[in-house]
Amino acid sequence: QCNSQLERAQQAVNFNQQWQSLLAIIHTSFGTYQEQLMEIRQEQKLLIHLDAIQNIQQSRLQCEQNMKQLETLATSGFTHSTKKESIRTQIR
């Protein structure tokens, strides 16, 4: 009977050691998971920030192109108008 109690006690100790070891592994794994999750969140913020910058740059380029088209249109309209005025002056 003493041997069986000793055996059960040893099994309990072994179980407890395995349990503690597993808890330590889980704790470490969860800590790693949390760190990676935070890194991913930071990267997502950075990516969102980079997307916003790219969108702003794209909008700026589009605006510049529109302004150039407007300038070209205004210049060609002014040149056309000046030519008309020049022809009118010559006719008079």
PDB file of N, CA and C in Angstrom:
ATOM      1  N   GLN A   1       0.834  -1.203   0.000  1.00  0.00           N
ATOM      2  CA  GLN A   1       0.000   0.000   0.000  1.00  0.00           C
ATOM      3  C   GLN A   1       0.871   1.257   0.000  1.00  0.00           C
ATOM      4  N   CYS A   2       1.925   1.212   0.717  1.00  0.00           N
ATOM      5  CA  CYS A   2       2.846   2.352   0.767  1.00  0.00           C
ATOM      6  C   CYS A   2       3.434   2.621  -0.615  1.00  0.00           C
ATOM      7  N   ASN A   3       3.753   1.546  -1.322  1.00  0.00           N
ATOM      8  CA  ASN A   3       4.315   1.698  -2.669  1.00  0.00           C
ATOM      9  C   ASN A   3       3.311   2.312  -3.635  1.00  0.00           C
ATOM     10  N   SER A   4       2.057   1.918  -3.544  1.00  0.00           N
ATOM     11  CA  SER A   4       1.039   2.468  -4.445  1.00  0.00           C
ATOM     12  C   SER A   4       0.803   3.954  -4.154  1.00  0.00           C
ATOM     13  N   GLN A   5       0.840   4.340  -2.875  1.00  0.00           N
ATOM     14  CA  GLN A   5       0.702   5.764  -2.536  1.00  0.00           C
ATOM     15  C   GLN A   5       1.904   6.552  -3.050  1.00  0.00           C
ATOM     16  N   LEU A   6       3.076   5.964  -2.928  1.00  0.00           N
ATOM     17  CA  LEU A   6       4.289   6.614  -3.430  1.00  0.00           C
ATOM     18  C   LEU A   6       4.220   6.763  -4.950  1.00  0.00           C
ATOM     19  N   GLU A   7       3.710   5.734  -5.606  1.00  0.00           N
ATOM     20  CA  GLU A   7       3.571   5.769  -7.068  1.00  0.00           C
ATOM     21  C   GLU A   7       2.572   6.843  -7.489  1.00  0.00           C
ATOM     22  N   ARG A   8       1.439   6.926  -6.775  1.00  0.00           N
ATOM     23  CA  ARG A   8       0.445   7.968  -7.078  1.00  0.00           C
ATOM     24  C   ARG A   8       1.011   9.362  -6.824  1.00  0.00           C
ATOM     25  N   ALA A   9       1.765   9.510  -5.782  1.00  0.00           N
ATOM     26  CA  ALA A   9       2.389  10.804  -5.479  1.00  0.00           C
ATOM     27  C   ALA A   9       3.372  11.180  -6.583  1.00  0.00           C
ATOM     28  N   GLN A  10       4.144  10.191  -7.051  1.00  0.00           N
ATOM     29  CA  GLN A  10       5.105  10.448  -8.129  1.00  0.00           C
ATOM     30  C   GLN A  10       4.375  10.828  -9.420  1.00  0.00           C
ATOM     31  N   GLN A  11       3.261  10.150  -9.696  1.00  0.00           N
ATOM     32  CA  GLN A  11       2.461  10.488 -10.880  1.00  0.00           C
ATOM     33  C   GLN A  11       1.914  11.911 -10.769  1.00  0.00           C
ATOM     34  N   ALA A  12       1.482  12.282  -9.576  1.00  0.00           N
ATOM     35  CA  ALA A  12       0.965  13.637  -9.352  1.00  0.00           C
ATOM     36  C   ALA A  12       2.062  14.670  -9.560  1.00  0.00           C
ATOM     37  N   VAL A  13       3.261  14.361  -9.067  1.00  0.00           N
ATOM     38  CA  VAL A  13       4.399  15.276  -9.249  1.00  0.00           C
ATOM     39  C   VAL A  13       4.729  15.402 -10.729  1.00  0.00           C
ATOM     40  N   ASN A  14       4.773  14.268 -11.433  1.00  0.00           N
ATOM     41  CA  ASN A  14       5.058  14.295 -12.878  1.00  0.00           C
ATOM     42  C   ASN A  14       4.004  15.100 -13.633  1.00  0.00           C
ATOM     43  N   PHE A  15       2.726  14.852 -13.272  1.00  0.00           N
ATOM     44  CA  PHE A  15       1.640  15.590 -13.907  1.00  0.00           C
ATOM     45  C   PHE A  15       1.794  17.085 -13.648  1.00  0.00           C
ATOM     46  N   ASN A  16       2.096  17.441 -12.416  1.00  0.00           N
ATOM     47  CA  ASN A  16       2.256  18.845 -12.043  1.00  0.00           C
ATOM     48  C   ASN A  16       3.414  19.484 -12.816  1.00  0.00           C
ATOM     49  N   GLN A  17       4.521  18.756 -12.954  1.00  0.00           N
ATOM     50  CA  GLN A  17       5.663  19.277 -13.704  1.00  0.00           C
ATOM     51  C   GLN A  17       5.298  19.488 -15.177  1.00  0.00           C
ATOM     52  N   GLN A  18       4.603  18.501 -15.743  1.00  0.00           N
ATOM     53  CA  GLN A  18       4.173  18.637 -17.140  1.00  0.00           C
ATOM     54  C   GLN A  18       3.205  19.808 -17.297  1.00  0.00           C
ATOM     55  N   TRP A  19       2.307  19.934 -16.323  1.00  0.00           N
ATOM     56  CA  TRP A  19       1.325  21.026 -16.342  1.00  0.00           C
ATOM     57  C   TRP A  19       2.033  22.382 -16.287  1.00  0.00           C
ATOM     58  N   GLN A  20       2.973  22.525 -15.370  1.00  0.00           N
ATOM     59  CA  GLN A  20       3.713  23.778 -15.224  1.00  0.00           C
ATOM     60  C   GLN A  20       4.524  24.080 -16.485  1.00  0.00           C
ATOM     61  N   SER A  21       5.136  23.043 -17.051  1.00  0.00           N
ATOM     62  CA  SER A  21       5.912  23.211 -18.276  1.00  0.00           C
ATOM     63  C   SER A  21       5.015  23.669 -19.423  1.00  0.00           C
ATOM     64  N   LEU A  22       3.861  23.035 -19.534  1.00  0.00           N
ATOM     65  CA  LEU A  22       2.909  23.409 -20.577  1.00  0.00           C
ATOM     66  C   LEU A  22       2.400  24.833 -20.376  1.00  0.00           C
ATOM     67  N   LEU A  23       2.110  25.211 -19.145  1.00  0.00           N
ATOM     68  CA  LEU A  23       1.683  26.589 -18.860  1.00  0.00           C
ATOM     69  C   LEU A  23       2.754  27.598 -19.261  1.00  0.00           C
ATOM     70  N   ALA A  24       4.018  27.272 -18.977  1.00  0.00           N
ATOM     71  CA  ALA A  24       5.119  28.166 -19.344  1.00  0.00           C
ATOM     72  C   ALA A  24       5.212  28.309 -20.861  1.00  0.00           C
ATOM     73  N   ILE A  25       5.059  27.188 -21.569  1.00  0.00           N
ATOM     74  CA  ILE A  25       5.098  27.223 -23.040  1.00  0.00           C
ATOM     75  C   ILE A  25       3.942  28.061 -23.582  1.00  0.00           C
ATOM     76  N   ILE A  26       2.743  27.852 -23.026  1.00  0.00           N
ATOM     77  CA  ILE A  26       1.567  28.617 -23.460  1.00  0.00           C
ATOM     78  C   ILE A  26       1.771  30.101 -23.177  1.00  0.00           C
ATOM     79  N   HIS A  27       2.284  30.415 -22.010  1.00  0.00           N
ATOM     80  CA  HIS A  27       2.531  31.813 -21.644  1.00  0.00           C
ATOM     81  C   HIS A  27       3.504  32.460 -22.633  1.00  0.00           C
ATOM     82  N   THR A  28       4.587  31.756 -22.940  1.00  0.00           N
ATOM     83  CA  THR A  28       5.579  32.272 -23.893  1.00  0.00           C
ATOM     84  C   THR A  28       4.963  32.426 -25.283  1.00  0.00           C
ATOM     85  N   SER A  29       4.227  31.408 -25.710  1.00  0.00           N
ATOM     86  CA  SER A  29       3.591  31.453 -27.034  1.00  0.00           C
ATOM     87  C   SER A  29       2.593  32.599 -27.126  1.00  0.00           C
ATOM     88  N   PHE A  30       1.805  32.781 -26.073  1.00  0.00           N
ATOM     89  CA  PHE A  30       0.814  33.855 -26.085  1.00  0.00           C
ATOM     90  C   PHE A  30       1.502  35.222 -26.099  1.00  0.00           C
ATOM     91  N   GLY A  31       2.604  35.340 -25.352  1.00  0.00           N
ATOM     92  CA  GLY A  31       3.372  36.588 -25.371  1.00  0.00           C
ATOM     93  C   GLY A  31       3.900  36.890 -26.758  1.00  0.00           C
ATOM     94  N   THR A  32       4.417  35.863 -27.425  1.00  0.00           N
ATOM     95  CA  THR A  32       4.906  36.028 -28.801  1.00  0.00           C
ATOM     96  C   THR A  32       3.766  36.430 -29.727  1.00  0.00           C
ATOM     97  N   TYR A  33       2.615  35.775 -29.554  1.00  0.00           N
ATOM     98  CA  TYR A  33       1.432  36.096 -30.357  1.00  0.00           C
ATOM     99  C   TYR A  33       1.027  37.558 -30.172  1.00  0.00           C
ATOM    100  N   GLN A  34       0.999  38.015 -28.924  1.00  0.00           N
ATOM    101  CA  GLN A  34       0.620  39.404 -28.649  1.00  0.00           C
ATOM    102  C   GLN A  34       1.605  40.379 -29.288  1.00  0.00           C
ATOM    103  N   GLU A  35       2.899  40.075 -29.204  1.00  0.00           N
ATOM    104  CA  GLU A  35       3.907  40.941 -29.816  1.00  0.00           C
ATOM    105  C   GLU A  35       3.718  41.009 -31.325  1.00  0.00           C
ATOM    106  N   GLN A  36       3.492  39.847 -31.947  1.00  0.00           N
ATOM    107  CA  GLN A  36       3.292  39.820 -33.392  1.00  0.00           C
ATOM    108  C   GLN A  36       2.022  40.557 -33.788  1.00  0.00           C
ATOM    109  N   LEU A  37       0.982  40.420 -32.989  1.00  0.00           N
ATOM    110  CA  LEU A  37      -0.270  41.119 -33.253  1.00  0.00           C
ATOM    111  C   LEU A  37      -0.060  42.632 -33.201  1.00  0.00           C
ATOM    112  N   MET A  38       0.689  43.098 -32.216  1.00  0.00           N
ATOM    113  CA  MET A  38       0.985  44.530 -32.114  1.00  0.00           C
ATOM    114  C   MET A  38       1.808  44.998 -33.310  1.00  0.00           C
ATOM    115  N   GLU A  39       2.781  44.183 -33.726  1.00  0.00           N
ATOM    116  CA  GLU A  39       3.593  44.530 -34.894  1.00  0.00           C
ATOM    117  C   GLU A  39       2.720  44.632 -36.138  1.00  0.00           C
ATOM    118  N   ILE A  40       1.796  43.675 -36.287  1.00  0.00           N
ATOM    119  CA  ILE A  40       0.895  43.695 -37.445  1.00  0.00           C
ATOM    120  C   ILE A  40       0.029  44.950 -37.409  1.00  0.00           C
ATOM    121  N   ARG A  41      -0.473  45.288 -36.231  1.00  0.00           N
ATOM    122  CA  ARG A  41      -1.301  46.501 -36.115  1.00  0.00           C
ATOM    123  C   ARG A  41      -0.493  47.742 -36.482  1.00  0.00           C
ATOM    124  N   GLN A  42       0.759  47.804 -36.021  1.00  0.00           N
ATOM    125  CA  GLN A  42       1.613  48.943 -36.356  1.00  0.00           C
ATOM    126  C   GLN A  42       1.868  48.984 -37.862  1.00  0.00           C
ATOM    127  N   GLU A  43       2.121  47.799 -38.448  1.00  0.00           N
ATOM    128  CA  GLU A  43       2.356  47.739 -39.891  1.00  0.00           C
ATOM    129  C   GLU A  43       1.115  48.163 -40.652  1.00  0.00           C
ATOM    130  N   GLN A  44      -0.066  47.753 -40.163  1.00  0.00           N
ATOM    131  CA  GLN A  44      -1.307  48.145 -40.823  1.00  0.00           C
ATOM    132  C   GLN A  44      -1.489  49.655 -40.756  1.00  0.00           C
ATOM    133  N   LYS A  45      -1.180  50.239 -39.592  1.00  0.00           N
ATOM    134  CA  LYS A  45      -1.267  51.695 -39.465  1.00  0.00           C
ATOM    135  C   LYS A  45      -0.314  52.349 -40.444  1.00  0.00           C
ATOM    136  N   LEU A  46       0.886  51.792 -40.532  1.00  0.00           N
ATOM    137  CA  LEU A  46       1.881  52.333 -41.449  1.00  0.00           C
ATOM    138  C   LEU A  46       1.403  52.190 -42.882  1.00  0.00           C
ATOM    139  N   LEU A  47       0.836  51.029 -43.221  1.00  0.00           N
ATOM    140  CA  LEU A  47       0.339  50.812 -44.575  1.00  0.00           C
ATOM    141  C   LEU A  47      -0.814  51.753 -44.885  1.00  0.00           C
ATOM    142  N   ILE A  48      -1.706  51.933 -43.918  1.00  0.00           N
ATOM    143  CA  ILE A  48      -2.816  52.863 -44.112  1.00  0.00           C
ATOM    144  C   ILE A  48      -2.261  54.268 -44.320  1.00  0.00           C
ATOM    145  N   HIS A  49      -1.247  54.619 -43.524  1.00  0.00           N
ATOM    146  CA  HIS A  49      -0.608  55.925 -43.655  1.00  0.00           C
ATOM    147  C   HIS A  49       0.033  56.058 -45.032  1.00  0.00           C
ATOM    148  N   LEU A  50       0.733  55.003 -45.481  1.00  0.00           N
ATOM    149  CA  LEU A  50       1.362  55.031 -46.799  1.00  0.00           C
ATOM    150  C   LEU A  50       0.315  55.124 -47.898  1.00  0.00           C
ATOM    151  N   ASP A  51      -0.807  54.415 -47.745  1.00  0.00           N
ATOM    152  CA  ASP A  51      -1.895  54.502 -48.721  1.00  0.00           C
ATOM    153  C   ASP A  51      -2.429  55.929 -48.792  1.00  0.00           C
ATOM    154  N   ALA A  52      -2.596  56.551 -47.638  1.00  0.00           N
ATOM    155  CA  ALA A  52      -3.098  57.929 -47.601  1.00  0.00           C
ATOM    156  C   ALA A  52      -2.121  58.863 -48.303  1.00  0.00           C
ATOM    157  N   ILE A  53      -0.824  58.674 -48.052  1.00  0.00           N
ATOM    158  CA  ILE A  53       0.196  59.504 -48.706  1.00  0.00           C
ATOM    159  C   ILE A  53       0.143  59.299 -50.215  1.00  0.00           C
ATOM    160  N   GLN A  54       0.038  58.038 -50.647  1.00  0.00           N
ATOM    161  CA  GLN A  54      -0.033  57.752 -52.080  1.00  0.00           C
ATOM    162  C   GLN A  54      -1.282  58.365 -52.698  1.00  0.00           C
ATOM    163  N   ASN A  55      -2.405  58.293 -51.992  1.00  0.00           N
ATOM    164  CA  ASN A  55      -3.638  58.895 -52.497  1.00  0.00           C
ATOM    165  C   ASN A  55      -3.494  60.406 -52.621  1.00  0.00           C
ATOM    166  N   ILE A  56      -2.867  61.023 -51.629  1.00  0.00           N
ATOM    167  CA  ILE A  56      -2.656  62.470 -51.670  1.00  0.00           C
ATOM    168  C   ILE A  56      -1.738  62.835 -52.830  1.00  0.00           C
ATOM    169  N   GLN A  57      -0.662  62.057 -53.006  1.00  0.00           N
ATOM    170  CA  GLN A  57       0.255  62.325 -54.113  1.00  0.00           C
ATOM    171  C   GLN A  57      -0.450  62.156 -55.455  1.00  0.00           C
ATOM    172  N   GLN A  58      -1.276  61.129 -55.561  1.00  0.00           N
ATOM    173  CA  GLN A  58      -2.014  60.890 -56.799  1.00  0.00           C
ATOM    174  C   GLN A  58      -2.985  62.049 -57.067  1.00  0.00           C
ATOM    175  N   SER A  59      -3.644  62.517 -56.033  1.00  0.00           N
ATOM    176  CA  SER A  59      -4.560  63.652 -56.178  1.00  0.00           C
ATOM    177  C   SER A  59      -3.806  64.909 -56.586  1.00  0.00           C
ATOM    178  N   ARG A  60      -2.630  65.121 -55.993  1.00  0.00           N
ATOM    179  CA  ARG A  60      -1.818  66.286 -56.341  1.00  0.00           C
ATOM    180  C   ARG A  60      -1.393  66.233 -57.805  1.00  0.00           C
ATOM    181  N   LEU A  61      -0.942  65.054 -58.253  1.00  0.00           N
ATOM    182  CA  LEU A  61      -0.539  64.904 -59.651  1.00  0.00           C
ATOM    183  C   LEU A  61      -1.716  65.142 -60.592  1.00  0.00           C
ATOM    184  N   GLN A  62      -2.881  64.613 -60.225  1.00  0.00           N
ATOM    185  CA  GLN A  62      -4.074  64.814 -61.039  1.00  0.00           C
ATOM    186  C   GLN A  62      -4.436  66.294 -61.096  1.00  0.00           C
ATOM    187  N   CYS A  63      -4.324  66.958 -59.973  1.00  0.00           N
ATOM    188  CA  CYS A  63      -4.616  68.393 -59.917  1.00  0.00           C
ATOM    189  C   CYS A  63      -3.636  69.174 -60.793  1.00  0.00           C
ATOM    190  N   GLU A  64      -2.345  68.811 -60.724  1.00  0.00           N
ATOM    191  CA  GLU A  64      -1.341  69.477 -61.556  1.00  0.00           C
ATOM    192  C   GLU A  64      -1.631  69.266 -63.038  1.00  0.00           C
ATOM    193  N   GLN A  65      -2.023  68.043 -63.402  1.00  0.00           N
ATOM    194  CA  GLN A  65      -2.353  67.769 -64.803  1.00  0.00           C
ATOM    195  C   GLN A  65      -3.565  68.584 -65.241  1.00  0.00           C
ATOM    196  N   ASN A  66      -4.561  68.663 -64.375  1.00  0.00           N
ATOM    197  CA  ASN A  66      -5.747  69.461 -64.692  1.00  0.00           C
ATOM    198  C   ASN A  66      -5.389  70.933 -64.860  1.00  0.00           C
ATOM    199  N   MET A  67      -4.505  71.435 -63.994  1.00  0.00           N
ATOM    200  CA  MET A  67      -4.083  72.839 -64.096  1.00  0.00           C
ATOM    201  C   MET A  67      -3.314  73.082 -65.398  1.00  0.00           C
ATOM    202  N   LYS A  68      -2.469  72.120 -65.787  1.00  0.00           N
ATOM    203  CA  LYS A  68      -1.733  72.254 -67.052  1.00  0.00           C
ATOM    204  C   LYS A  68      -2.693  72.267 -68.236  1.00  0.00           C
ATOM    205  N   GLN A  69      -3.708  71.406 -68.194  1.00  0.00           N
ATOM    206  CA  GLN A  69      -4.706  71.387 -69.266  1.00  0.00           C
ATOM    207  C   GLN A  69      -5.462  72.712 -69.319  1.00  0.00           C
ATOM    208  N   LEU A  70      -5.787  73.219 -68.140  1.00  0.00           N
ATOM    209  CA  LEU A  70      -6.482  74.503 -68.067  1.00  0.00           C
ATOM    210  C   LEU A  70      -5.598  75.619 -68.623  1.00  0.00           C
ATOM    211  N   GLU A  71      -4.320  75.579 -68.250  1.00  0.00           N
ATOM    212  CA  GLU A  71      -3.371  76.579 -68.739  1.00  0.00           C
ATOM    213  C   GLU A  71      -3.224  76.487 -70.259  1.00  0.00           C
ATOM    214  N   THR A  72      -3.124  75.255 -70.762  1.00  0.00           N
ATOM    215  CA  THR A  72      -3.014  75.055 -72.213  1.00  0.00           C
ATOM    216  C   THR A  72      -4.259  75.579 -72.915  1.00  0.00           C
ATOM    217  N   LEU A  73      -5.413  75.251 -72.358  1.00  0.00           N
ATOM    218  CA  LEU A  73      -6.673  75.713 -72.932  1.00  0.00           C
ATOM    219  C   LEU A  73      -6.759  77.238 -72.902  1.00  0.00           C
ATOM    220  N   ALA A  74      -6.378  77.825 -71.773  1.00  0.00           N
ATOM    221  CA  ALA A  74      -6.424  79.286 -71.643  1.00  0.00           C
ATOM    222  C   ALA A  74      -5.450  79.937 -72.622  1.00  0.00           C
ATOM    223  N   THR A  75      -4.249  79.368 -72.745  1.00  0.00           N
ATOM    224  CA  THR A  75      -3.243  79.929 -73.649  1.00  0.00           C
ATOM    225  C   THR A  75      -3.701  79.815 -75.096  1.00  0.00           C
ATOM    226  N   SER A  76      -4.213  78.637 -75.467  1.00  0.00           N
ATOM    227  CA  SER A  76      -4.664  78.468 -76.854  1.00  0.00           C
ATOM    228  C   SER A  76      -5.878  79.353 -77.125  1.00  0.00           C
ATOM    229  N   GLY A  77      -6.763  79.515 -76.141  1.00  0.00           N
ATOM    230  CA  GLY A  77      -7.917  80.399 -76.297  1.00  0.00           C
ATOM    231  C   GLY A  77      -7.477  81.843 -76.442  1.00  0.00           C
ATOM    232  N   PHE A  78      -6.487  82.251 -75.644  1.00  0.00           N
ATOM    233  CA  PHE A  78      -5.978  83.620 -75.727  1.00  0.00           C
ATOM    234  C   PHE A  78      -5.302  83.848 -77.075  1.00  0.00           C
ATOM    235  N   THR A  79      -4.502  82.867 -77.521  1.00  0.00           N
ATOM    236  CA  THR A  79      -3.816  82.980 -78.815  1.00  0.00           C
ATOM    237  C   THR A  79      -4.836  83.069 -79.935  1.00  0.00           C
ATOM    238  N   HIS A  80      -5.867  82.230 -79.882  1.00  0.00           N
ATOM    239  CA  HIS A  80      -6.922  82.242 -80.896  1.00  0.00           C
ATOM    240  C   HIS A  80      -7.641  83.588 -80.883  1.00  0.00           C
ATOM    241  N   SER A  81      -7.938  84.091 -79.700  1.00  0.00           N
ATOM    242  CA  SER A  81      -8.619  85.374 -79.550  1.00  0.00           C
ATOM    243  C   SER A  81      -7.745  86.509 -80.077  1.00  0.00           C
ATOM    244  N   THR A  82      -6.447  86.443 -79.790  1.00  0.00           N
ATOM    245  CA  THR A  82      -5.514  87.474 -80.252  1.00  0.00           C
ATOM    246  C   THR A  82      -5.421  87.457 -81.772  1.00  0.00           C
ATOM    247  N   LYS A  83      -5.392  86.262 -82.352  1.00  0.00           N
ATOM    248  CA  LYS A  83      -5.343  86.158 -83.816  1.00  0.00           C
ATOM    249  C   LYS A  83      -6.602  86.751 -84.426  1.00  0.00           C
ATOM    250  N   LYS A  84      -7.771  86.461 -83.830  1.00  0.00           N
ATOM    251  CA  LYS A  84      -9.036  87.013 -84.326  1.00  0.00           C
ATOM    252  C   LYS A  84      -8.999  88.538 -84.271  1.00  0.00           C
ATOM    253  N   GLU A  85      -8.513  89.051 -83.129  1.00  0.00           N
ATOM    254  CA  GLU A  85      -8.451  90.504 -82.956  1.00  0.00           C
ATOM    255  C   GLU A  85      -7.496  91.111 -83.975  1.00  0.00           C
ATOM    256  N   SER A  86      -6.378  90.406 -84.221  1.00  0.00           N
ATOM    257  CA  SER A  86      -5.399  90.885 -85.195  1.00  0.00           C
ATOM    258  C   SER A  86      -6.016  90.920 -86.589  1.00  0.00           C
ATOM    259  N   ILE A  87      -6.772  89.895 -86.930  1.00  0.00           N
ATOM    260  CA  ILE A  87      -7.429  89.846 -88.242  1.00  0.00           C
ATOM    261  C   ILE A  87      -8.465  90.956 -88.336  1.00  0.00           C
ATOM    262  N   ARG A  88      -9.237  91.189 -87.265  1.00  0.00           N
ATOM    263  CA  ARG A  88     -10.242  92.260 -87.248  1.00  0.00           C
ATOM    264  C   ARG A  88      -9.577  93.618 -87.456  1.00  0.00           C
ATOM    265  N   THR A  89      -8.431  93.793 -86.785  1.00  0.00           N
ATOM    266  CA  THR A  89      -7.716  95.060 -86.913  1.00  0.00           C
ATOM    267  C   THR A  89      -7.247  95.251 -88.349  1.00  0.00           C
ATOM    268  N   GLN A  90      -6.765  94.185 -88.952  1.00  0.00           N
ATOM    269  CA  GLN A  90      -6.294  94.285 -90.336  1.00  0.00           C
ATOM    270  C   GLN A  90      -7.444  94.584 -91.290  1.00  0.00           C
ATOM    271  N   ILE A  91      -8.613  94.001 -91.011  1.00  0.00           N
ATOM    272  CA  ILE A  91      -9.770  94.217 -91.876  1.00  0.00           C
ATOM    273  C   ILE A  91     -10.239  95.668 -91.779  1.00  0.00           C
ATOM    274  N   ARG A  92     -10.168  96.233 -90.613  1.00  0.00           N
ATOM    275  CA  ARG A  92     -10.623  97.607 -90.402  1.00  0.00           C
ATOM    276  C   ARG A  92      -9.672  98.508 -91.121  1.00  0.00           C
TER     277      ARG A  92
END
